[in-house]
PDB file of N, CA and C in Angstrom:
ATOM      1  N   MET A   1      81.931 106.667  94.332  1.00  0.00           N
ATOM      2  CA  MET A   1      80.745 107.253  94.739  1.00  0.00           C
ATOM      3  C   MET A   1      79.862 106.531  95.843  1.00  0.00           C
ATOM      4  N   THR A   2      79.254 107.492  96.485  1.00  0.00           N
ATOM      5  CA  THR A   2      78.840 106.852  97.854  1.00  0.00           C
ATOM      6  C   THR A   2      77.001 106.935  97.640  1.00  0.00           C
ATOM      7  N   LYS A   3      76.466 105.415  97.892  1.00  0.00           N
ATOM      8  CA  LYS A   3      75.452 105.299  97.792  1.00  0.00           C
ATOM      9  C   LYS A   3      74.258 106.440  98.610  1.00  0.00           C
ATOM     10  N   LEU A   4      73.288 106.629  97.646  1.00  0.00           N
ATOM     11  CA  LEU A   4      72.151 107.360  98.219  1.00  0.00           C
ATOM     12  C   LEU A   4      71.520 106.959  99.483  1.00  0.00           C
ATOM     13  N   GLU A   5      71.210 107.588 100.637  1.00  0.00           N
ATOM     14  CA  GLU A   5      70.331 107.187 101.497  1.00  0.00           C
ATOM     15  C   GLU A   5      69.611 108.066 102.714  1.00  0.00           C
ATOM     16  N   GLY A   6      68.895 107.936 103.285  1.00  0.00           N
ATOM     17  CA  GLY A   6      67.948 108.680 104.065  1.00  0.00           C
ATOM     18  C   GLY A   6      67.849 110.004 103.395  1.00  0.00           C
ATOM     19  N   ALA A   7      67.881 111.131 103.998  1.00  0.00           N
ATOM     20  CA  ALA A   7      67.710 112.518 103.543  1.00  0.00           C
ATOM     21  C   ALA A   7      68.189 112.443 102.038  1.00  0.00           C
ATOM     22  N   SER A   8      69.200 112.345 101.639  1.00  0.00           N
ATOM     23  CA  SER A   8      70.188 112.392 100.361  1.00  0.00           C
ATOM     24  C   SER A   8      69.326 111.780  99.311  1.00  0.00           C
ATOM     25  N   LEU A   9      69.096 110.674  99.931  1.00  0.00           N
ATOM     26  CA  LEU A   9      67.904 109.562  98.702  1.00  0.00           C
ATOM     27  C   LEU A   9      66.859 110.479  98.492  1.00  0.00           C
ATOM     28  N   SER A  10      65.892 110.639  99.537  1.00  0.00           N
ATOM     29  CA  SER A  10      65.175 111.454  99.454  1.00  0.00           C
ATOM     30  C   SER A  10      64.841 113.140  98.365  1.00  0.00           C
ATOM     31  N   ALA A  11      65.616 113.640  98.864  1.00  0.00           N
ATOM     32  CA  ALA A  11      65.926 114.792  98.176  1.00  0.00           C
ATOM     33  C   ALA A  11      66.255 115.021  96.936  1.00  0.00           C
ATOM     34  N   ALA A  12      67.086 113.391  96.203  1.00  0.00           N
ATOM     35  CA  ALA A  12      67.611 113.569  95.286  1.00  0.00           C
ATOM     36  C   ALA A  12      66.366 112.408  94.366  1.00  0.00           C
ATOM     37  N   LEU A  13      65.616 111.917  94.818  1.00  0.00           N
ATOM     38  CA  LEU A  13      64.294 111.178  94.027  1.00  0.00           C
ATOM     39  C   LEU A  13      63.041 112.451  93.734  1.00  0.00           C
ATOM     40  N   ALA A  14      63.145 113.774  94.747  1.00  0.00           N
ATOM     41  CA  ALA A  14      62.426 114.268  94.891  1.00  0.00           C
ATOM     42  C   ALA A  14      62.693 115.421  93.410  1.00  0.00           C
ATOM     43  N   GLN A  15      64.016 115.426  92.907  1.00  0.00           N
ATOM     44  CA  GLN A  15      64.475 116.075  91.559  1.00  0.00           C
ATOM     45  C   GLN A  15      64.135 115.152  90.091  1.00  0.00           C
ATOM     46  N   LEU A  16      63.641 114.140  90.499  1.00  0.00           N
ATOM     47  CA  LEU A  16      63.422 113.212  89.519  1.00  0.00           C
ATOM     48  C   LEU A  16      61.708 112.909  89.473  1.00  0.00           C
ATOM     49  N   PRO A  17      60.885 113.143  89.517  1.00  0.00           N
ATOM     50  CA  PRO A  17      59.797 112.957  89.496  1.00  0.00           C
ATOM     51  C   PRO A  17      59.089 112.079  88.301  1.00  0.00           C
ATOM     52  N   ALA A  18      59.672 112.056  87.253  1.00  0.00           N
ATOM     53  CA  ALA A  18      59.499 111.078  85.862  1.00  0.00           C
ATOM     54  C   ALA A  18      60.096 109.622  86.482  1.00  0.00           C
ATOM     55  N   TRP A  19      60.761 109.640  87.601  1.00  0.00           N
ATOM     56  CA  TRP A  19      61.454 108.099  87.455  1.00  0.00           C
ATOM     57  C   TRP A  19      60.744 107.306  88.792  1.00  0.00           C
ATOM     58  N   ALA A  20      60.642 106.027  88.900  1.00  0.00           N
ATOM     59  CA  ALA A  20      60.052 105.623  90.196  1.00  0.00           C
ATOM     60  C   ALA A  20      61.333 104.637  90.798  1.00  0.00           C
ATOM     61  N   PHE A  21      61.553 104.791  91.932  1.00  0.00           N
ATOM     62  CA  PHE A  21      62.154 104.322  92.785  1.00  0.00           C
ATOM     63  C   PHE A  21      61.805 102.774  93.474  1.00  0.00           C
ATOM     64  N   ASP A  22      62.848 101.646  92.973  1.00  0.00           N
ATOM     65  CA  ASP A  22      62.879 100.368  92.850  1.00  0.00           C
ATOM     66  C   ASP A  22      63.885 100.302  94.439  1.00  0.00           C
ATOM     67  N   ALA A  23      62.881 100.126  95.615  1.00  0.00           N
ATOM     68  CA  ALA A  23      63.564 100.081  96.635  1.00  0.00           C
ATOM     69  C   ALA A  23      64.422  98.549  96.466  1.00  0.00           C
ATOM     70  N   GLN A  24      63.816  97.438  96.148  1.00  0.00           N
ATOM     71  CA  GLN A  24      64.981  96.254  96.312  1.00  0.00           C
ATOM     72  C   GLN A  24      66.162  96.315  95.668  1.00  0.00           C
ATOM     73  N   ARG A  25      65.846  96.801  94.333  1.00  0.00           N
ATOM     74  CA  ARG A  25      67.118  96.847  93.717  1.00  0.00           C
ATOM     75  C   ARG A  25      67.899  98.327  93.990  1.00  0.00           C
ATOM     76  N   HIS A  26      67.624  99.181  94.609  1.00  0.00           N
ATOM     77  CA  HIS A  26      67.958 100.815  95.211  1.00  0.00           C
ATOM     78  C   HIS A  26      68.489 101.339  93.730  1.00  0.00           C
ATOM     79  N   ALA A  27      67.634 101.135  92.747  1.00  0.00           N
ATOM     80  CA  ALA A  27      67.517 101.996  91.433  1.00  0.00           C
ATOM     81  C   ALA A  27      66.009 102.578  91.060  1.00  0.00           C
ATOM     82  N   ILE A  28      66.436 103.485  89.924  1.00  0.00           N
ATOM     83  CA  ILE A  28      65.362 104.496  89.383  1.00  0.00           C
ATOM     84  C   ILE A  28      65.084 103.606  88.315  1.00  0.00           C
ATOM     85  N   HIS A  29      63.930 103.811  87.394  1.00  0.00           N
ATOM     86  CA  HIS A  29      63.465 103.322  86.212  1.00  0.00           C
ATOM     87  C   HIS A  29      62.374 104.277  85.600  1.00  0.00           C
ATOM     88  N   ARG A  30      62.569 104.325  84.447  1.00  0.00           N
ATOM     89  CA  ARG A  30      61.734 105.284  83.607  1.00  0.00           C
ATOM     90  C   ARG A  30      61.414 104.516  82.627  1.00  0.00           C
ATOM     91  N   ALA A  31      60.116 104.368  82.030  1.00  0.00           N
ATOM     92  CA  ALA A  31      59.831 103.859  80.709  1.00  0.00           C
ATOM     93  C   ALA A  31      59.405 105.389  79.772  1.00  0.00           C
ATOM     94  N   LEU A  32      59.427 105.378  78.344  1.00  0.00           N
ATOM     95  CA  LEU A  32      59.418 106.074  77.390  1.00  0.00           C
ATOM     96  C   LEU A  32      58.769 105.615  76.186  1.00  0.00           C
ATOM     97  N   ARG A  33      57.887 106.315  75.357  1.00  0.00           N
ATOM     98  CA  ARG A  33      57.332 106.314  74.008  1.00  0.00           C
ATOM     99  C   ARG A  33      57.859 107.274  73.279  1.00  0.00           C
ATOM    100  N   PHE A  34      57.933 106.977  71.885  1.00  0.00           N
ATOM    101  CA  PHE A  34      58.234 107.757  71.046  1.00  0.00           C
ATOM    102  C   PHE A  34      57.429 107.341  69.822  1.00  0.00           C
ATOM    103  N   ALA A  35      57.632 108.117  68.869  1.00  0.00           N
ATOM    104  CA  ALA A  35      56.609 108.293  67.537  1.00  0.00           C
ATOM    105  C   ALA A  35      57.112 106.699  67.117  1.00  0.00           C
ATOM    106  N   ASP A  36      58.245 106.561  66.714  1.00  0.00           N
ATOM    107  CA  ASP A  36      58.468 105.365  65.782  1.00  0.00           C
ATOM    108  C   ASP A  36      59.752 104.538  66.428  1.00  0.00           C
ATOM    109  N   PHE A  37      60.330 103.642  65.931  1.00  0.00           N
ATOM    110  CA  PHE A  37      61.239 102.801  66.122  1.00  0.00           C
ATOM    111  C   PHE A  37      62.465 104.018  65.882  1.00  0.00           C
ATOM    112  N   ASN A  38      62.770 104.818  64.643  1.00  0.00           N
ATOM    113  CA  ASN A  38      63.563 105.141  64.571  1.00  0.00           C
ATOM    114  C   ASN A  38      64.058 106.251  65.650  1.00  0.00           C
ATOM    115  N   ALA A  39      62.778 107.356  66.340  1.00  0.00           N
ATOM    116  CA  ALA A  39      62.985 108.101  67.375  1.00  0.00           C
ATOM    117  C   ALA A  39      63.711 107.491  68.521  1.00  0.00           C
ATOM    118  N   ALA A  40      63.033 106.173  68.929  1.00  0.00           N
ATOM    119  CA  ALA A  40      63.686 105.783  70.067  1.00  0.00           C
ATOM    120  C   ALA A  40      64.795 105.129  69.906  1.00  0.00           C
ATOM    121  N   PHE A  41      65.402 104.463  68.648  1.00  0.00           N
ATOM    122  CA  PHE A  41      66.732 104.289  68.870  1.00  0.00           C
ATOM    123  C   PHE A  41      67.677 105.726  68.281  1.00  0.00           C
ATOM    124  N   GLY A  42      67.070 106.433  67.922  1.00  0.00           N
ATOM    125  CA  GLY A  42      67.967 107.470  67.914  1.00  0.00           C
ATOM    126  C   GLY A  42      68.344 108.539  69.261  1.00  0.00           C
ATOM    127  N   PHE A  43      66.809 108.075  69.860  1.00  0.00           N
ATOM    128  CA  PHE A  43      67.753 108.874  71.398  1.00  0.00           C
ATOM    129  C   PHE A  43      68.348 108.011  72.151  1.00  0.00           C
ATOM    130  N   MET A  44      68.221 106.582  72.328  1.00  0.00           N
ATOM    131  CA  MET A  44      69.067 105.486  72.453  1.00  0.00           C
ATOM    132  C   MET A  44      70.483 105.756  72.168  1.00  0.00           C
ATOM    133  N   THR A  45      70.729 106.134  70.824  1.00  0.00           N
ATOM    134  CA  THR A  45      71.839 106.460  70.300  1.00  0.00           C
ATOM    135  C   THR A  45      72.402 107.261  71.443  1.00  0.00           C
ATOM    136  N   ARG A  46      71.897 108.747  71.044  1.00  0.00           N
ATOM    137  CA  ARG A  46      72.562 109.775  72.397  1.00  0.00           C
ATOM    138  C   ARG A  46      72.512 109.802  73.622  1.00  0.00           C
ATOM    139  N   VAL A  47      71.951 108.353  74.124  1.00  0.00           N
ATOM    140  CA  VAL A  47      72.009 108.453  75.547  1.00  0.00           C
ATOM    141  C   VAL A  47      73.343 107.706  75.556  1.00  0.00           C
ATOM    142  N   ALA A  48      73.496 106.687  74.602  1.00  0.00           N
ATOM    143  CA  ALA A  48      74.707 105.580  74.541  1.00  0.00           C
ATOM    144  C   ALA A  48      76.297 106.347  74.556  1.00  0.00           C
ATOM    145  N   LEU A  49      75.885 108.026  73.665  1.00  0.00           N
ATOM    146  CA  LEU A  49      77.251 108.442  73.668  1.00  0.00           C
ATOM    147  C   LEU A  49      77.328 109.012  74.844  1.00  0.00           C
ATOM    148  N   GLU A  50      76.489 109.630  75.279  1.00  0.00           N
ATOM    149  CA  GLU A  50      76.704 110.531  77.066  1.00  0.00           C
ATOM    150  C   GLU A  50      76.999 109.391  78.170  1.00  0.00           C
ATOM    151  N   ALA A  51      76.605 108.294  78.399  1.00  0.00           N
ATOM    152  CA  ALA A  51      77.020 107.293  79.207  1.00  0.00           C
ATOM    153  C   ALA A  51      78.246 107.037  78.916  1.00  0.00           C
ATOM    154  N   GLU A  52      78.980 106.952  77.587  1.00  0.00           N
ATOM    155  CA  GLU A  52      80.004 106.191  77.021  1.00  0.00           C
ATOM    156  C   GLU A  52      81.178 107.384  77.866  1.00  0.00           C
ATOM    157  N   ARG A  53      80.750 108.219  77.622  1.00  0.00           N
ATOM    158  CA  ARG A  53      81.613 109.708  77.737  1.00  0.00           C
ATOM    159  C   ARG A  53      81.537 109.578  79.278  1.00  0.00           C
ATOM    160  N   ARG A  54      80.314 109.954  79.969  1.00  0.00           N
ATOM    161  CA  ARG A  54      80.642 109.459  81.690  1.00  0.00           C
ATOM    162  C   ARG A  54      81.083 108.266  82.066  1.00  0.00           C
ATOM    163  N   ASN A  55      81.123 107.256  81.382  1.00  0.00           N
ATOM    164  CA  ASN A  55      81.711 105.823  81.917  1.00  0.00           C
ATOM    165  C   ASN A  55      80.287 105.461  82.699  1.00  0.00           C
ATOM    166  N   HIS A  56      79.585 105.641  82.103  1.00  0.00           N
ATOM    167  CA  HIS A  56      78.267 105.132  83.279  1.00  0.00           C
ATOM    168  C   HIS A  56      76.913 104.661  82.419  1.00  0.00           C
ATOM    169  N   HIS A  57      77.104 103.699  82.527  1.00  0.00           N
ATOM    170  CA  HIS A  57      75.841 103.057  81.398  1.00  0.00           C
ATOM    171  C   HIS A  57      74.968 102.564  82.205  1.00  0.00           C
ATOM    172  N   PRO A  58      73.625 102.842  81.468  1.00  0.00           N
ATOM    173  CA  PRO A  58      72.298 102.034  81.955  1.00  0.00           C
ATOM    174  C   PRO A  58      71.956 100.699  81.645  1.00  0.00           C
ATOM    175  N   GLU A  59      71.057 100.159  82.451  1.00  0.00           N
ATOM    176  CA  GLU A  59      70.264  98.940  81.706  1.00  0.00           C
ATOM    177  C   GLU A  59      68.982  99.103  81.009  1.00  0.00           C
ATOM    178  N   TRP A  60      69.158  98.787  80.165  1.00  0.00           N
ATOM    179  CA  TRP A  60      67.638  99.299  79.379  1.00  0.00           C
ATOM    180  C   TRP A  60      67.491  98.066  78.349  1.00  0.00           C
ATOM    181  N   ARG A  61      65.884  98.270  77.891  1.00  0.00           N
ATOM    182  CA  ARG A  61      65.116  97.438  76.895  1.00  0.00           C
ATOM    183  C   ARG A  61      64.832  98.397  76.001  1.00  0.00           C
ATOM    184  N   ASN A  62      64.727  98.166  74.542  1.00  0.00           N
ATOM    185  CA  ASN A  62      63.949  98.492  73.520  1.00  0.00           C
ATOM    186  C   ASN A  62      63.112  97.801  72.565  1.00  0.00           C
ATOM    187  N   VAL A  63      61.639  98.185  72.788  1.00  0.00           N
ATOM    188  CA  VAL A  63      60.739  97.006  71.914  1.00  0.00           C
ATOM    189  C   VAL A  63      59.738  98.436  71.197  1.00  0.00           C
ATOM    190  N   TYR A  64      60.595  98.188  69.933  1.00  0.00           N
ATOM    191  CA  TYR A  64      59.766  98.919  68.891  1.00  0.00           C
ATOM    192  C   TYR A  64      59.749 100.524  69.167  1.00  0.00           C
ATOM    193  N   HIS A  65      58.813 101.333  69.601  1.00  0.00           N
ATOM    194  CA  HIS A  65      59.016 102.486  69.610  1.00  0.00           C
ATOM    195  C   HIS A  65      58.876 103.061  71.204  1.00  0.00           C
ATOM    196  N   ARG A  66      59.293 101.547  72.166  1.00  0.00           N
ATOM    197  CA  ARG A  66      59.105 102.062  73.600  1.00  0.00           C
ATOM    198  C   ARG A  66      60.922 101.643  74.114  1.00  0.00           C
ATOM    199  N   VAL A  67      61.025 102.234  75.124  1.00  0.00           N
ATOM    200  CA  VAL A  67      62.299 102.398  75.647  1.00  0.00           C
ATOM    201  C   VAL A  67      62.230 102.491  77.266  1.00  0.00           C
ATOM    202  N   SER A  68      62.840 101.570  77.962  1.00  0.00           N
ATOM    203  CA  SER A  68      62.922 101.480  79.270  1.00  0.00           C
ATOM    204  C   SER A  68      64.115 101.538  79.922  1.00  0.00           C
ATOM    205  N   ILE A  69      64.334 102.309  80.820  1.00  0.00           N
ATOM    206  CA  ILE A  69      65.757 102.667  81.490  1.00  0.00           C
ATOM    207  C   ILE A  69      65.823 102.494  82.665  1.00  0.00           C
ATOM    208  N   THR A  70      66.675 101.502  83.494  1.00  0.00           N
ATOM    209  CA  THR A  70      67.099 101.580  84.753  1.00  0.00           C
ATOM    210  C   THR A  70      68.500 102.357  85.117  1.00  0.00           C
ATOM    211  N   LEU A  71      68.590 102.937  86.016  1.00  0.00           N
ATOM    212  CA  LEU A  71      69.853 103.286  86.782  1.00  0.00           C
ATOM    213  C   LEU A  71      70.072 102.815  87.855  1.00  0.00           C
ATOM    214  N   THR A  72      71.451 102.223  88.285  1.00  0.00           N
ATOM    215  CA  THR A  72      72.243 102.001  89.431  1.00  0.00           C
ATOM    216  C   THR A  72      73.491 102.005  89.359  1.00  0.00           C
ATOM    217  N   THR A  73      74.084 102.154  90.271  1.00  0.00           N
ATOM    218  CA  THR A  73      75.579 101.854  90.333  1.00  0.00           C
ATOM    219  C   THR A  73      76.122 101.101  91.324  1.00  0.00           C
ATOM    220  N   HIS A  74      76.206  99.835  90.240  1.00  0.00           N
ATOM    221  CA  HIS A  74      76.604  98.562  90.750  1.00  0.00           C
ATOM    222  C   HIS A  74      78.180  98.496  91.728  1.00  0.00           C
ATOM    223  N   ASP A  75      78.607  99.060  91.521  1.00  0.00           N
ATOM    224  CA  ASP A  75      80.012  99.403  92.792  1.00  0.00           C
ATOM    225  C   ASP A  75      79.781 100.032  94.035  1.00  0.00           C
ATOM    226  N   ALA A  76      78.457 100.774  93.946  1.00  0.00           N
ATOM    227  CA  ALA A  76      78.201 101.499  95.212  1.00  0.00           C
ATOM    228  C   ALA A  76      76.772 100.604  95.792  1.00  0.00           C
ATOM    229  N   GLY A  77      76.514  99.622  95.022  1.00  0.00           N
ATOM    230  CA  GLY A  77      75.428  98.746  95.766  1.00  0.00           C
ATOM    231  C   GLY A  77      74.191  99.566  95.639  1.00  0.00           C
ATOM    232  N   GLY A  78      73.959 100.840  94.692  1.00  0.00           N
ATOM    233  CA  GLY A  78      72.750 101.327  94.969  1.00  0.00           C
ATOM    234  C   GLY A  78      73.021 102.164  93.970  1.00  0.00           C
ATOM    235  N   LEU A  79      71.826 103.347  94.012  1.00  0.00           N
ATOM    236  CA  LEU A  79      71.513 104.796  93.724  1.00  0.00           C
ATOM    237  C   LEU A  79      72.421 105.828  94.111  1.00  0.00           C
ATOM    238  N   THR A  80      73.257 106.307  93.245  1.00  0.00           N
ATOM    239  CA  THR A  80      74.450 107.206  93.847  1.00  0.00           C
ATOM    240  C   THR A  80      74.131 109.048  92.677  1.00  0.00           C
ATOM    241  N   LEU A  81      74.516 109.796  92.887  1.00  0.00           N
ATOM    242  CA  LEU A  81      74.797 111.132  92.654  1.00  0.00           C
ATOM    243  C   LEU A  81      74.646 110.883  90.815  1.00  0.00           C
ATOM    244  N   ARG A  82      75.784 109.885  90.494  1.00  0.00           N
ATOM    245  CA  ARG A  82      76.055 109.969  89.061  1.00  0.00           C
ATOM    246  C   ARG A  82      74.686 108.892  88.269  1.00  0.00           C
ATOM    247  N   ASP A  83      73.836 108.777  88.926  1.00  0.00           N
ATOM    248  CA  ASP A  83      72.624 107.633  88.489  1.00  0.00           C
ATOM    249  C   ASP A  83      71.723 108.804  88.376  1.00  0.00           C
ATOM    250  N   VAL A  84      71.780 109.913  89.514  1.00  0.00           N
ATOM    251  CA  VAL A  84      70.784 111.671  89.636  1.00  0.00           C
ATOM    252  C   VAL A  84      70.878 112.022  88.214  1.00  0.00           C
ATOM    253  N   ASP A  85      72.326 112.238  87.942  1.00  0.00           N
ATOM    254  CA  ASP A  85      73.131 113.430  87.146  1.00  0.00           C
ATOM    255  C   ASP A  85      72.890 112.750  85.472  1.00  0.00           C
ATOM    256  N   LEU A  86      72.945 111.242  85.535  1.00  0.00           N
ATOM    257  CA  LEU A  86      72.364 110.784  83.991  1.00  0.00           C
ATOM    258  C   LEU A  86      71.128 110.943  83.860  1.00  0.00           C
ATOM    259  N   ALA A  87      70.238 110.816  85.149  1.00  0.00           N
ATOM    260  CA  ALA A  87      68.956 110.562  84.656  1.00  0.00           C
ATOM    261  C   ALA A  87      68.151 112.046  84.315  1.00  0.00           C
ATOM    262  N   ARG A  88      68.873 113.363  84.636  1.00  0.00           N
ATOM    263  CA  ARG A  88      68.553 114.293  84.519  1.00  0.00           C
ATOM    264  C   ARG A  88      68.974 114.885  82.947  1.00  0.00           C
ATOM    265  N   TRP A  89      70.265 114.252  82.730  1.00  0.00           N
ATOM    266  CA  TRP A  89      70.390 114.246  81.361  1.00  0.00           C
ATOM    267  C   TRP A  89      69.746 113.499  80.534  1.00  0.00           C
ATOM    268  N   ILE A  90      68.924 112.176  80.474  1.00  0.00           N
ATOM    269  CA  ILE A  90      68.110 111.710  79.840  1.00  0.00           C
ATOM    270  C   ILE A  90      66.984 112.106  79.868  1.00  0.00           C
ATOM    271  N   ASP A  91      66.240 113.018  81.014  1.00  0.00           N
ATOM    272  CA  ASP A  91      65.153 113.361  80.773  1.00  0.00           C
ATOM    273  C   ASP A  91      65.015 114.795  79.873  1.00  0.00           C
ATOM    274  N   ALA A  92      65.894 115.536  79.760  1.00  0.00           N
ATOM    275  CA  ALA A  92      66.320 116.612  78.994  1.00  0.00           C
ATOM    276  C   ALA A  92      66.518 115.970  77.390  1.00  0.00           C
ATOM    277  N   ALA A  93      66.993 114.517  77.285  1.00  0.00           N
ATOM    278  CA  ALA A  93      67.414 114.264  75.952  1.00  0.00           C
ATOM    279  C   ALA A  93      65.826 113.399  75.367  1.00  0.00           C
ATOM    280  N   ALA A  94      65.442 112.968  76.188  1.00  0.00           N
ATOM    281  CA  ALA A  94      63.729 112.464  76.051  1.00  0.00           C
ATOM    282  C   ALA A  94      63.052 113.746  75.401  1.00  0.00           C
ATOM    283  N   LEU A  95      62.827 114.930  76.089  1.00  0.00           N
ATOM    284  CA  LEU A  95      62.361 115.602  75.944  1.00  0.00           C
ATOM    285  C   LEU A  95      62.550 116.278  74.663  1.00  0.00           C
ATOM    286  N   THR A  96      63.854 116.540  74.265  1.00  0.00           N
ATOM    287  CA  THR A  96      64.134 116.910  72.972  1.00  0.00           C
ATOM    288  C   THR A  96      63.837 115.628  72.016  1.00  0.00           C
ATOM    289  N   ALA A  97      64.039 114.288  72.087  1.00  0.00           N
ATOM    290  CA  ALA A  97      63.523 113.817  71.084  1.00  0.00           C
ATOM    291  C   ALA A  97      62.164 113.187  70.865  1.00  0.00           C
ATOM    292  N   GLY A  98      61.318 114.265  71.994  1.00  0.00           N
ATOM    293  CA  GLY A  98      59.843 113.873  71.802  1.00  0.00           C
ATOM    294  C   GLY A  98      59.177 112.639  72.547  1.00  0.00           C
ATOM    295  N   GLY A  99      59.971 111.761  73.467  1.00  0.00           N
ATOM    296  CA  GLY A  99      59.796 110.745  74.398  1.00  0.00           C
ATOM    297  C   GLY A  99      58.607 111.293  75.317  1.00  0.00           C
ATOM    298  N   GLU A 100      57.999 110.405  75.497  1.00  0.00           N
ATOM    299  CA  GLU A 100      56.228 110.395  76.281  1.00  0.00           C
ATOM    300  C   GLU A 100      56.472 109.723  77.394  1.00  0.00           C
ATOM    301  N   PRO A 101      56.044 109.542  78.689  1.00  0.00           N
ATOM    302  CA  PRO A 101      55.805 108.754  79.422  1.00  0.00           C
ATOM    303  C   PRO A 101      54.819 107.487  78.870  1.00  0.00           C
ATOM    304  N   ASP A 102      55.540 106.614  79.631  1.00  0.00           N
ATOM    305  CA  ASP A 102      54.932 105.199  78.944  1.00  0.00           C
ATOM    306  C   ASP A 102      54.474 104.549  80.000  1.00  0.00           C
TER     307      ASP A 102
END
């Protein structure tokens, strides 16, 4: 995978309005809040299974009903289409699981 830069990066970020770009890490980040721990952990389980299927894993943190997620492709040195595709999948899963911006 090739690291996204320039117009490709801008176009990719425009597709992900819920995600913040971290220029220093060349990564995207999103924080979500769920109804309770079970809902948060259920969401994380679904994401973990999809990430394993794709062999592309997020960096994340869970505290009670909150989940923070960072996506980047370490082998490419930054954001790639793999991250963008997984972020879109995560957005849909969060919506289904009742996740709200945190």
